[in-house]
């Protein structure tokens, strides 16, 4: 039995609804966990708040975090970098708080490779179909066609690694997906505490 918190990774291709699912999980408040806000060099989008969706930083600040080893993982995607600040995650885990990360597939791979001792619970979200995924990405209306095509190409590749995750959940209906994820996390936490 451990007093440490559990690390929960919510992953999947771009546009699958990771953010929507994570927000719904937090809003329901049925499971105790802290959401780890990632750092990014991309520009803030309308409706986003610094420190809520992401910590929006410049390249120099991002580089400082790399140099000091303060990322559990970081990636570059469509010209921007994203990273998970290690200090905040470890502080919460060591205090017995469960931490949820919303990261992409390559970030998950890095954590599983370099931080396997954290023994994360891994959940992969998939769309009901690739067409639904494409419609969601295009429906955002936040990116140009070239960026959308890069996201779609990456999503096709990422969908092929779902078997590396402990759990796969179809995000066809947000409420149903959230309930399924709550059950998964609840069972995993119960198993780990026994």
N, C-alpha and C. Protein backbone atom coordinates (compact mmCIF):
# COMPACT_ATOMS: atom_id res chain seq x y z
N UNK A 1 0.84 -1.19 0.00
CA UNK A 1 0.00 0.00 0.00
C UNK A 1 0.88 1.25 0.00
N UNK A 2 0.56 2.17 -0.89
CA UNK A 2 1.38 3.35 -1.06
C UNK A 2 0.62 4.60 -0.66
N UNK A 3 1.37 5.57 -0.11
CA UNK A 3 0.76 6.86 0.22
C UNK A 3 0.88 7.83 -0.94
N UNK A 4 1.56 7.38 -2.00
CA UNK A 4 1.72 8.24 -3.17
C UNK A 4 0.44 8.30 -3.97
N UNK A 5 0.27 9.42 -4.67
CA UNK A 5 -0.86 9.54 -5.57
C UNK A 5 -0.62 8.73 -6.83
N UNK A 6 -1.67 8.48 -7.59
CA UNK A 6 -1.56 7.75 -8.86
C UNK A 6 -1.47 8.75 -10.01
N UNK A 7 -0.64 8.40 -10.99
CA UNK A 7 -0.53 9.20 -12.20
C UNK A 7 -1.48 8.61 -13.24
N UNK A 8 -2.38 9.43 -13.76
CA UNK A 8 -3.37 8.99 -14.74
C UNK A 8 -3.10 9.72 -16.04
N UNK A 9 -2.87 8.97 -17.11
CA UNK A 9 -2.60 9.57 -18.42
C UNK A 9 -3.81 9.39 -19.32
N UNK A 10 -4.34 10.51 -19.79
CA UNK A 10 -5.44 10.53 -20.76
C UNK A 10 -4.83 10.97 -22.08
N UNK A 11 -4.87 10.08 -23.06
CA UNK A 11 -4.20 10.35 -24.32
C UNK A 11 -5.08 9.98 -25.50
N UNK A 12 -4.60 10.27 -26.69
CA UNK A 12 -5.35 9.97 -27.90
C UNK A 12 -4.98 10.98 -28.97
N UNK A 13 -5.47 10.78 -30.18
CA UNK A 13 -5.12 11.70 -31.27
C UNK A 13 -5.74 13.08 -31.09
N UNK A 14 -5.16 14.05 -31.76
CA UNK A 14 -5.69 15.41 -31.76
C UNK A 14 -7.13 15.41 -32.25
N UNK A 15 -7.99 16.14 -31.54
CA UNK A 15 -9.39 16.26 -31.95
C UNK A 15 -10.31 15.20 -31.39
N UNK A 16 -9.76 14.25 -30.63
CA UNK A 16 -10.60 13.16 -30.11
C UNK A 16 -11.46 13.60 -28.92
N UNK A 17 -11.11 14.74 -28.33
CA UNK A 17 -11.91 15.24 -27.21
C UNK A 17 -11.27 15.07 -25.85
N UNK A 18 -9.94 14.98 -25.81
CA UNK A 18 -9.25 14.82 -24.52
C UNK A 18 -9.61 15.94 -23.55
N UNK A 19 -9.56 17.18 -24.05
CA UNK A 19 -9.86 18.32 -23.19
C UNK A 19 -11.29 18.33 -22.69
N UNK A 20 -12.22 18.00 -23.57
CA UNK A 20 -13.64 17.96 -23.20
C UNK A 20 -13.88 16.90 -22.12
N UNK A 21 -13.29 15.72 -22.32
CA UNK A 21 -13.44 14.62 -21.35
C UNK A 21 -12.81 14.99 -20.02
N UNK A 22 -11.61 15.53 -20.06
CA UNK A 22 -10.92 15.92 -18.83
C UNK A 22 -11.73 16.97 -18.07
N UNK A 23 -12.26 17.97 -18.77
CA UNK A 23 -13.06 19.00 -18.11
C UNK A 23 -14.32 18.41 -17.48
N UNK A 24 -14.95 17.47 -18.18
CA UNK A 24 -16.15 16.82 -17.65
C UNK A 24 -15.83 15.98 -16.41
N UNK A 25 -14.70 15.29 -16.44
CA UNK A 25 -14.27 14.51 -15.27
C UNK A 25 -14.07 15.41 -14.06
N UNK A 26 -13.37 16.53 -14.27
CA UNK A 26 -13.11 17.45 -13.17
C UNK A 26 -14.40 18.08 -12.66
N UNK A 27 -15.30 18.43 -13.58
CA UNK A 27 -16.56 19.07 -13.20
C UNK A 27 -17.43 18.15 -12.35
N UNK A 28 -17.41 16.86 -12.66
CA UNK A 28 -18.22 15.91 -11.90
C UNK A 28 -17.71 15.75 -10.47
N UNK A 29 -16.41 15.85 -10.31
CA UNK A 29 -15.82 15.80 -8.98
C UNK A 29 -15.98 14.49 -8.24
N UNK A 30 -16.26 13.40 -8.97
CA UNK A 30 -16.46 12.10 -8.31
C UNK A 30 -15.14 11.46 -7.88
N UNK A 31 -14.06 11.79 -8.60
CA UNK A 31 -12.76 11.21 -8.28
C UNK A 31 -11.81 12.33 -7.86
N UNK A 32 -11.01 12.05 -6.82
CA UNK A 32 -10.07 13.08 -6.37
C UNK A 32 -8.79 13.10 -7.22
N UNK A 33 -8.61 14.14 -8.03
CA UNK A 33 -7.33 14.30 -8.72
C UNK A 33 -7.08 15.74 -9.10
N UNK A 34 -5.81 16.01 -9.34
CA UNK A 34 -5.34 17.33 -9.74
C UNK A 34 -4.94 17.25 -11.21
N UNK A 35 -5.36 18.24 -11.98
CA UNK A 35 -5.01 18.29 -13.39
C UNK A 35 -3.70 19.02 -13.59
N UNK A 36 -2.76 18.35 -14.24
CA UNK A 36 -1.46 18.94 -14.52
C UNK A 36 -1.55 19.78 -15.79
N UNK A 37 -1.42 21.08 -15.65
CA UNK A 37 -1.46 21.99 -16.79
C UNK A 37 -0.11 21.94 -17.51
N UNK A 38 -0.15 21.72 -18.82
CA UNK A 38 1.07 21.65 -19.63
C UNK A 38 1.55 23.05 -20.00
N UNK A 39 2.80 23.11 -20.38
CA UNK A 39 3.41 24.35 -20.86
C UNK A 39 3.45 24.28 -22.38
N UNK A 40 3.22 25.40 -23.06
CA UNK A 40 3.29 25.41 -24.52
C UNK A 40 3.86 26.72 -25.04
N UNK A 41 4.46 26.64 -26.22
CA UNK A 41 4.96 27.84 -26.90
C UNK A 41 3.96 28.35 -27.93
N UNK A 42 2.83 27.66 -28.10
CA UNK A 42 1.86 28.15 -29.09
C UNK A 42 1.11 29.34 -28.54
N UNK A 43 0.51 30.10 -29.44
CA UNK A 43 -0.25 31.29 -29.05
C UNK A 43 -1.55 30.88 -28.36
N UNK A 44 -1.97 31.74 -27.48
CA UNK A 44 -3.23 31.52 -26.78
C UNK A 44 -4.39 31.68 -27.77
N UNK A 45 -5.38 30.78 -27.69
CA UNK A 45 -6.56 30.83 -28.55
C UNK A 45 -7.67 31.60 -27.85
N UNK A 46 -8.62 32.13 -28.62
CA UNK A 46 -9.76 32.82 -28.00
C UNK A 46 -10.46 31.91 -26.98
N UNK A 47 -10.75 32.47 -25.82
CA UNK A 47 -11.44 31.71 -24.77
C UNK A 47 -10.51 30.97 -23.83
N UNK A 48 -9.21 30.92 -24.14
CA UNK A 48 -8.26 30.24 -23.26
C UNK A 48 -7.70 31.21 -22.23
N UNK A 49 -7.27 30.66 -21.09
CA UNK A 49 -6.69 31.45 -20.01
C UNK A 49 -5.34 30.87 -19.64
N UNK A 50 -4.33 31.73 -19.55
CA UNK A 50 -3.00 31.29 -19.15
C UNK A 50 -3.07 30.65 -17.77
N UNK A 51 -2.48 29.47 -17.64
CA UNK A 51 -2.48 28.76 -16.37
C UNK A 51 -3.68 27.86 -16.17
N UNK A 52 -4.64 27.91 -17.09
CA UNK A 52 -5.82 27.05 -17.01
C UNK A 52 -5.72 25.97 -18.09
N UNK A 53 -5.77 26.36 -19.36
CA UNK A 53 -5.62 25.38 -20.43
C UNK A 53 -4.16 24.98 -20.58
N UNK A 54 -3.28 25.98 -20.57
CA UNK A 54 -1.83 25.80 -20.67
C UNK A 54 -1.14 26.94 -19.94
N UNK A 55 0.16 26.73 -19.66
CA UNK A 55 1.03 27.85 -19.33
C UNK A 55 1.62 28.27 -20.66
N UNK A 56 1.27 29.45 -21.14
CA UNK A 56 1.75 29.93 -22.43
C UNK A 56 3.07 30.66 -22.19
N UNK A 57 4.14 30.11 -22.76
CA UNK A 57 5.48 30.67 -22.53
C UNK A 57 6.20 30.89 -23.86
N UNK A 58 7.26 31.68 -23.80
CA UNK A 58 8.08 31.88 -25.01
C UNK A 58 9.13 30.78 -25.11
N UNK A 59 9.84 30.76 -26.22
CA UNK A 59 10.84 29.70 -26.46
C UNK A 59 11.94 29.70 -25.40
N UNK A 60 12.37 30.89 -24.96
CA UNK A 60 13.44 30.96 -23.97
C UNK A 60 13.03 30.30 -22.65
N UNK A 61 11.80 30.55 -22.21
CA UNK A 61 11.29 29.94 -20.96
C UNK A 61 11.18 28.43 -21.12
N UNK A 62 10.70 27.99 -22.27
CA UNK A 62 10.59 26.54 -22.53
C UNK A 62 11.98 25.91 -22.49
N UNK A 63 12.95 26.56 -23.15
CA UNK A 63 14.33 26.05 -23.16
C UNK A 63 14.91 25.95 -21.75
N UNK A 64 14.60 26.94 -20.89
CA UNK A 64 15.09 26.90 -19.49
C UNK A 64 14.55 25.66 -18.77
N UNK A 65 13.30 25.31 -19.02
CA UNK A 65 12.72 24.12 -18.38
C UNK A 65 13.36 22.84 -18.90
N UNK A 66 13.73 22.81 -20.16
CA UNK A 66 14.45 21.65 -20.71
C UNK A 66 15.81 21.53 -20.04
N UNK A 67 16.54 22.65 -20.00
CA UNK A 67 17.90 22.66 -19.45
C UNK A 67 17.94 22.25 -17.99
N UNK A 68 16.91 22.60 -17.22
CA UNK A 68 16.89 22.25 -15.80
C UNK A 68 16.28 20.88 -15.54
N UNK A 69 15.85 20.18 -16.61
CA UNK A 69 15.28 18.85 -16.46
C UNK A 69 13.88 18.87 -15.87
N UNK A 70 13.16 19.98 -16.07
CA UNK A 70 11.84 20.10 -15.45
C UNK A 70 10.69 19.69 -16.37
N UNK A 71 10.90 18.71 -17.22
CA UNK A 71 9.79 18.17 -17.99
C UNK A 71 9.75 16.66 -17.83
N UNK A 72 8.57 16.11 -17.52
CA UNK A 72 8.39 14.65 -17.57
C UNK A 72 8.48 14.21 -19.01
N UNK A 73 7.93 15.06 -19.89
CA UNK A 73 7.97 14.81 -21.33
C UNK A 73 7.74 16.14 -22.01
N UNK A 74 8.26 16.23 -23.24
CA UNK A 74 7.94 17.39 -24.07
C UNK A 74 8.06 16.98 -25.53
N UNK A 75 7.27 17.65 -26.35
CA UNK A 75 7.23 17.32 -27.78
C UNK A 75 7.10 18.61 -28.59
N UNK A 76 7.44 18.48 -29.86
CA UNK A 76 7.17 19.56 -30.80
C UNK A 76 6.11 19.06 -31.76
N UNK A 77 5.10 19.88 -32.00
CA UNK A 77 4.01 19.49 -32.90
C UNK A 77 3.51 20.71 -33.64
N UNK A 78 3.39 20.61 -34.93
CA UNK A 78 2.97 21.67 -35.84
C UNK A 78 3.60 23.02 -35.47
N UNK A 79 4.91 22.98 -35.24
CA UNK A 79 5.67 24.20 -35.02
C UNK A 79 5.66 24.75 -33.61
N UNK A 80 5.04 24.06 -32.67
CA UNK A 80 4.98 24.52 -31.28
C UNK A 80 5.43 23.40 -30.35
N UNK A 81 5.89 23.78 -29.17
CA UNK A 81 6.34 22.78 -28.20
C UNK A 81 5.38 22.73 -27.02
N UNK A 82 5.25 21.51 -26.47
CA UNK A 82 4.36 21.24 -25.34
C UNK A 82 5.13 20.39 -24.34
N UNK A 83 4.98 20.67 -23.05
CA UNK A 83 5.68 19.87 -22.05
C UNK A 83 4.93 19.80 -20.73
N UNK A 84 5.19 18.72 -19.99
CA UNK A 84 4.57 18.51 -18.68
C UNK A 84 5.58 18.86 -17.59
N UNK A 85 5.35 19.94 -16.82
CA UNK A 85 6.28 20.33 -15.75
C UNK A 85 6.39 19.25 -14.67
N UNK A 86 7.59 18.73 -14.51
CA UNK A 86 7.85 17.63 -13.58
C UNK A 86 7.67 18.04 -12.13
N UNK A 87 8.14 19.24 -11.76
CA UNK A 87 8.13 19.64 -10.35
C UNK A 87 6.72 19.62 -9.76
N UNK A 88 5.76 20.14 -10.49
CA UNK A 88 4.38 20.20 -9.99
C UNK A 88 3.77 18.80 -9.87
N UNK A 89 4.02 17.95 -10.87
CA UNK A 89 3.46 16.60 -10.85
C UNK A 89 4.01 15.81 -9.66
N UNK A 90 5.33 15.81 -9.49
CA UNK A 90 5.94 15.05 -8.40
C UNK A 90 5.53 15.59 -7.03
N UNK A 91 5.39 16.91 -6.92
CA UNK A 91 4.94 17.51 -5.66
C UNK A 91 3.57 16.97 -5.25
N UNK A 92 2.65 16.90 -6.20
CA UNK A 92 1.31 16.39 -5.89
C UNK A 92 1.31 14.88 -5.63
N UNK A 93 2.01 14.12 -6.47
CA UNK A 93 2.07 12.66 -6.28
C UNK A 93 2.66 12.32 -4.91
N UNK A 94 3.75 13.00 -4.55
CA UNK A 94 4.41 12.72 -3.27
C UNK A 94 3.55 13.13 -2.08
N UNK A 95 2.59 14.05 -2.30
CA UNK A 95 1.67 14.47 -1.24
C UNK A 95 0.44 13.56 -1.19
N UNK A 96 0.43 12.51 -2.03
CA UNK A 96 -0.68 11.56 -2.01
C UNK A 96 -1.85 11.97 -2.89
N UNK A 97 -1.65 12.95 -3.76
CA UNK A 97 -2.71 13.44 -4.64
C UNK A 97 -2.62 12.75 -5.99
N UNK A 98 -3.75 12.27 -6.50
CA UNK A 98 -3.78 11.68 -7.84
C UNK A 98 -3.66 12.79 -8.87
N UNK A 99 -2.87 12.55 -9.92
CA UNK A 99 -2.61 13.55 -10.95
C UNK A 99 -3.06 13.03 -12.30
N UNK A 100 -3.82 13.85 -13.05
CA UNK A 100 -4.23 13.46 -14.39
C UNK A 100 -3.48 14.32 -15.41
N UNK A 101 -2.89 13.64 -16.40
CA UNK A 101 -2.22 14.32 -17.50
C UNK A 101 -3.06 14.13 -18.76
N UNK A 102 -3.18 15.18 -19.54
CA UNK A 102 -3.83 15.12 -20.85
C UNK A 102 -2.72 15.38 -21.86
N UNK A 103 -2.16 14.30 -22.42
CA UNK A 103 -1.00 14.46 -23.30
C UNK A 103 -1.15 13.61 -24.56
N UNK A 104 -0.28 13.88 -25.53
CA UNK A 104 -0.36 13.13 -26.78
C UNK A 104 0.39 11.81 -26.67
N UNK A 105 0.34 11.04 -27.73
CA UNK A 105 0.90 9.70 -27.75
C UNK A 105 2.41 9.70 -27.52
N UNK A 106 3.13 10.60 -28.18
CA UNK A 106 4.59 10.60 -28.01
C UNK A 106 4.97 10.99 -26.58
N UNK A 107 4.20 11.87 -25.96
CA UNK A 107 4.45 12.22 -24.57
C UNK A 107 4.26 11.04 -23.64
N UNK A 108 3.21 10.26 -23.91
CA UNK A 108 2.96 9.05 -23.12
C UNK A 108 4.12 8.08 -23.25
N UNK A 109 4.59 7.89 -24.49
CA UNK A 109 5.72 6.98 -24.73
C UNK A 109 6.94 7.41 -23.93
N UNK A 110 7.21 8.71 -23.89
CA UNK A 110 8.38 9.20 -23.15
C UNK A 110 8.24 8.93 -21.66
N UNK A 111 7.05 9.13 -21.11
CA UNK A 111 6.85 8.87 -19.68
C UNK A 111 6.97 7.39 -19.38
N UNK A 112 6.40 6.54 -20.24
CA UNK A 112 6.48 5.09 -20.02
C UNK A 112 7.91 4.59 -20.12
N UNK A 113 8.72 5.27 -20.93
CA UNK A 113 10.12 4.87 -21.11
C UNK A 113 11.01 5.40 -19.99
N UNK A 114 10.87 6.71 -19.69
CA UNK A 114 11.83 7.33 -18.77
C UNK A 114 11.33 7.43 -17.32
N UNK A 115 10.03 7.27 -17.12
CA UNK A 115 9.48 7.41 -15.77
C UNK A 115 8.57 6.24 -15.43
N UNK A 116 8.95 5.04 -15.84
CA UNK A 116 8.11 3.85 -15.62
C UNK A 116 7.83 3.62 -14.15
N UNK A 117 8.74 4.09 -13.28
CA UNK A 117 8.55 3.91 -11.84
C UNK A 117 7.31 4.64 -11.32
N UNK A 118 6.78 5.58 -12.10
CA UNK A 118 5.55 6.27 -11.71
C UNK A 118 4.32 5.39 -11.90
N UNK A 119 4.48 4.29 -12.64
CA UNK A 119 3.42 3.29 -12.84
C UNK A 119 2.07 3.94 -13.21
N UNK A 120 2.03 4.68 -14.32
CA UNK A 120 0.80 5.39 -14.66
C UNK A 120 -0.35 4.49 -15.10
N UNK A 121 -1.56 4.97 -14.87
CA UNK A 121 -2.77 4.36 -15.42
C UNK A 121 -2.95 5.02 -16.79
N UNK A 122 -2.94 4.22 -17.86
CA UNK A 122 -2.99 4.81 -19.20
C UNK A 122 -4.33 4.54 -19.87
N UNK A 123 -4.94 5.62 -20.36
CA UNK A 123 -6.25 5.55 -21.02
C UNK A 123 -6.14 6.23 -22.38
N UNK A 124 -6.54 5.51 -23.43
CA UNK A 124 -6.46 6.03 -24.79
C UNK A 124 -7.87 6.28 -25.31
N UNK A 125 -8.14 7.52 -25.69
CA UNK A 125 -9.44 7.87 -26.26
C UNK A 125 -9.41 7.70 -27.78
N UNK A 126 -10.45 7.08 -28.32
CA UNK A 126 -10.56 6.96 -29.77
C UNK A 126 -11.91 7.54 -30.22
N UNK A 127 -11.97 8.03 -31.45
CA UNK A 127 -13.25 8.52 -31.97
C UNK A 127 -14.08 7.35 -32.46
N UNK A 128 -15.39 7.55 -32.64
CA UNK A 128 -16.22 6.46 -33.19
C UNK A 128 -15.83 6.12 -34.63
N UNK A 129 -15.26 7.10 -35.35
CA UNK A 129 -14.76 6.87 -36.71
C UNK A 129 -13.75 7.95 -37.03
N UNK A 130 -12.94 7.71 -38.05
CA UNK A 130 -11.96 8.72 -38.42
C UNK A 130 -12.65 9.96 -39.01
N UNK A 131 -13.77 9.76 -39.68
CA UNK A 131 -14.51 10.90 -40.24
C UNK A 131 -15.00 11.84 -39.13
N UNK A 132 -15.46 11.26 -38.03
CA UNK A 132 -15.90 12.08 -36.88
C UNK A 132 -14.72 12.89 -36.36
N UNK A 133 -13.55 12.26 -36.28
CA UNK A 133 -12.35 12.95 -35.82
C UNK A 133 -12.02 14.13 -36.74
N UNK A 134 -12.04 13.88 -38.04
CA UNK A 134 -11.74 14.95 -39.00
C UNK A 134 -12.75 16.09 -38.86
N UNK A 135 -14.03 15.75 -38.71
CA UNK A 135 -15.06 16.78 -38.56
C UNK A 135 -14.82 17.63 -37.31
N UNK A 136 -14.38 16.98 -36.22
CA UNK A 136 -14.11 17.72 -34.98
C UNK A 136 -12.94 18.68 -35.16
N UNK A 137 -11.87 18.21 -35.81
CA UNK A 137 -10.69 19.05 -36.02
C UNK A 137 -11.05 20.24 -36.92
N UNK A 138 -11.77 19.97 -37.99
CA UNK A 138 -12.16 21.06 -38.91
C UNK A 138 -13.16 22.00 -38.25
N UNK A 139 -14.00 21.46 -37.38
CA UNK A 139 -15.03 22.26 -36.73
C UNK A 139 -14.49 23.30 -35.76
N UNK A 140 -13.25 23.11 -35.31
CA UNK A 140 -12.64 24.09 -34.41
C UNK A 140 -12.45 25.44 -35.10
N UNK A 141 -12.15 25.38 -36.41
CA UNK A 141 -11.89 26.58 -37.22
C UNK A 141 -10.79 27.45 -36.62
N UNK A 142 -9.75 26.80 -36.06
CA UNK A 142 -8.66 27.55 -35.43
C UNK A 142 -7.35 27.43 -36.20
N UNK A 143 -7.32 26.59 -37.27
CA UNK A 143 -6.06 26.34 -37.96
C UNK A 143 -6.23 26.35 -39.47
N UNK A 144 -5.12 26.58 -40.17
CA UNK A 144 -5.17 26.57 -41.63
C UNK A 144 -5.19 25.13 -42.14
N UNK A 145 -5.44 24.97 -43.43
CA UNK A 145 -5.59 23.64 -44.04
C UNK A 145 -4.34 22.78 -43.90
N UNK A 146 -3.16 23.39 -44.05
CA UNK A 146 -1.91 22.62 -43.94
C UNK A 146 -1.76 22.03 -42.53
N UNK A 147 -2.10 22.80 -41.51
CA UNK A 147 -2.00 22.33 -40.13
C UNK A 147 -3.03 21.23 -39.87
N UNK A 148 -4.23 21.41 -40.40
CA UNK A 148 -5.27 20.39 -40.24
C UNK A 148 -4.82 19.07 -40.87
N UNK A 149 -4.24 19.14 -42.06
CA UNK A 149 -3.78 17.92 -42.73
C UNK A 149 -2.66 17.24 -41.95
N UNK A 150 -1.76 18.03 -41.33
CA UNK A 150 -0.70 17.44 -40.50
C UNK A 150 -1.31 16.74 -39.28
N UNK A 151 -2.30 17.38 -38.67
CA UNK A 151 -2.98 16.77 -37.52
C UNK A 151 -3.65 15.45 -37.90
N UNK A 152 -4.31 15.44 -39.05
CA UNK A 152 -5.01 14.23 -39.51
C UNK A 152 -4.03 13.11 -39.81
N UNK A 153 -2.92 13.44 -40.44
CA UNK A 153 -1.90 12.43 -40.74
C UNK A 153 -1.34 11.84 -39.46
N UNK A 154 -1.02 12.71 -38.50
CA UNK A 154 -0.49 12.25 -37.21
C UNK A 154 -1.53 11.39 -36.49
N UNK A 155 -2.80 11.78 -36.56
CA UNK A 155 -3.86 11.03 -35.89
C UNK A 155 -3.97 9.60 -36.42
N UNK A 156 -3.82 9.44 -37.73
CA UNK A 156 -3.86 8.09 -38.33
C UNK A 156 -2.75 7.20 -37.76
N UNK A 157 -1.57 7.77 -37.61
CA UNK A 157 -0.44 7.03 -37.05
C UNK A 157 -0.70 6.70 -35.58
N UNK A 158 -1.18 7.70 -34.83
CA UNK A 158 -1.40 7.52 -33.39
C UNK A 158 -2.47 6.47 -33.09
N UNK A 159 -3.47 6.38 -33.93
CA UNK A 159 -4.54 5.41 -33.71
C UNK A 159 -4.01 3.97 -33.70
N UNK A 160 -2.87 3.76 -34.32
CA UNK A 160 -2.31 2.41 -34.43
C UNK A 160 -1.59 1.95 -33.16
N UNK A 161 -1.40 2.84 -32.19
CA UNK A 161 -0.66 2.45 -30.97
C UNK A 161 -1.59 2.25 -29.77
N UNK A 162 -2.88 2.23 -30.00
CA UNK A 162 -3.81 2.13 -28.87
C UNK A 162 -3.61 0.88 -28.04
N UNK A 163 -3.08 -0.20 -28.64
CA UNK A 163 -2.87 -1.45 -27.89
C UNK A 163 -1.79 -1.32 -26.82
N UNK A 164 -1.00 -0.25 -26.86
CA UNK A 164 0.04 -0.05 -25.85
C UNK A 164 -0.54 0.51 -24.54
N UNK A 165 -1.80 0.90 -24.59
CA UNK A 165 -2.45 1.48 -23.41
C UNK A 165 -3.21 0.41 -22.64
N UNK A 166 -3.34 0.61 -21.33
CA UNK A 166 -4.07 -0.33 -20.49
C UNK A 166 -5.56 -0.34 -20.81
N UNK A 167 -6.09 0.84 -21.15
CA UNK A 167 -7.53 0.97 -21.38
C UNK A 167 -7.78 1.82 -22.63
N UNK A 168 -8.78 1.42 -23.43
CA UNK A 168 -9.19 2.17 -24.62
C UNK A 168 -10.67 2.51 -24.46
N UNK A 169 -11.01 3.79 -24.64
CA UNK A 169 -12.39 4.26 -24.47
C UNK A 169 -12.81 5.01 -25.74
N UNK A 170 -13.98 4.65 -26.27
CA UNK A 170 -14.52 5.34 -27.45
C UNK A 170 -15.25 6.60 -26.98
N UNK A 171 -14.87 7.74 -27.55
CA UNK A 171 -15.54 9.00 -27.21
C UNK A 171 -16.59 9.30 -28.29
N UNK A 172 -17.72 8.62 -28.18
CA UNK A 172 -18.85 8.86 -29.08
C UNK A 172 -19.85 9.77 -28.38
N UNK A 173 -19.99 9.55 -27.07
CA UNK A 173 -20.89 10.34 -26.23
C UNK A 173 -20.08 10.72 -24.99
N UNK A 174 -19.94 12.02 -24.75
CA UNK A 174 -19.08 12.51 -23.67
C UNK A 174 -19.48 11.92 -22.32
N UNK A 175 -20.76 11.95 -22.00
CA UNK A 175 -21.23 11.46 -20.70
C UNK A 175 -20.89 9.97 -20.50
N UNK A 176 -21.12 9.18 -21.54
CA UNK A 176 -20.81 7.74 -21.44
C UNK A 176 -19.32 7.51 -21.32
N UNK A 177 -18.52 8.26 -22.08
CA UNK A 177 -17.06 8.11 -22.01
C UNK A 177 -16.56 8.49 -20.63
N UNK A 178 -17.09 9.57 -20.07
CA UNK A 178 -16.67 10.01 -18.74
C UNK A 178 -17.03 8.96 -17.69
N UNK A 179 -18.23 8.40 -17.77
CA UNK A 179 -18.63 7.35 -16.82
C UNK A 179 -17.72 6.14 -16.92
N UNK A 180 -17.38 5.74 -18.15
CA UNK A 180 -16.48 4.59 -18.33
C UNK A 180 -15.10 4.88 -17.75
N UNK A 181 -14.59 6.08 -17.97
CA UNK A 181 -13.27 6.45 -17.45
C UNK A 181 -13.30 6.52 -15.93
N UNK A 182 -14.37 7.04 -15.35
CA UNK A 182 -14.50 7.06 -13.89
C UNK A 182 -14.44 5.65 -13.32
N UNK A 183 -15.13 4.71 -13.96
CA UNK A 183 -15.11 3.31 -13.49
C UNK A 183 -13.71 2.73 -13.58
N UNK A 184 -13.03 2.99 -14.70
CA UNK A 184 -11.66 2.49 -14.89
C UNK A 184 -10.74 3.02 -13.79
N UNK A 185 -10.77 4.33 -13.59
CA UNK A 185 -9.89 4.94 -12.59
C UNK A 185 -10.25 4.46 -11.20
N UNK A 186 -11.54 4.38 -10.90
CA UNK A 186 -11.98 3.89 -9.59
C UNK A 186 -11.47 2.49 -9.29
N UNK A 187 -11.58 1.59 -10.28
CA UNK A 187 -11.08 0.21 -10.10
C UNK A 187 -9.58 0.19 -9.92
N UNK A 188 -8.85 0.99 -10.71
CA UNK A 188 -7.40 1.02 -10.61
C UNK A 188 -6.95 1.56 -9.25
N UNK A 189 -7.59 2.62 -8.78
CA UNK A 189 -7.24 3.19 -7.48
C UNK A 189 -7.55 2.22 -6.34
N UNK A 190 -8.67 1.54 -6.46
CA UNK A 190 -9.05 0.54 -5.45
C UNK A 190 -8.04 -0.60 -5.41
N UNK A 191 -7.66 -1.05 -6.58
CA UNK A 191 -6.67 -2.15 -6.68
C UNK A 191 -5.34 -1.73 -6.06
N UNK A 192 -4.93 -0.50 -6.33
CA UNK A 192 -3.62 -0.02 -5.83
C UNK A 192 -3.61 0.22 -4.33
N UNK A 193 -4.78 0.50 -3.76
CA UNK A 193 -4.82 0.79 -2.33
C UNK A 193 -5.01 -0.47 -1.47
N UNK A 194 -5.30 -1.59 -2.15
CA UNK A 194 -5.53 -2.82 -1.37
C UNK A 194 -4.24 -3.59 -1.13
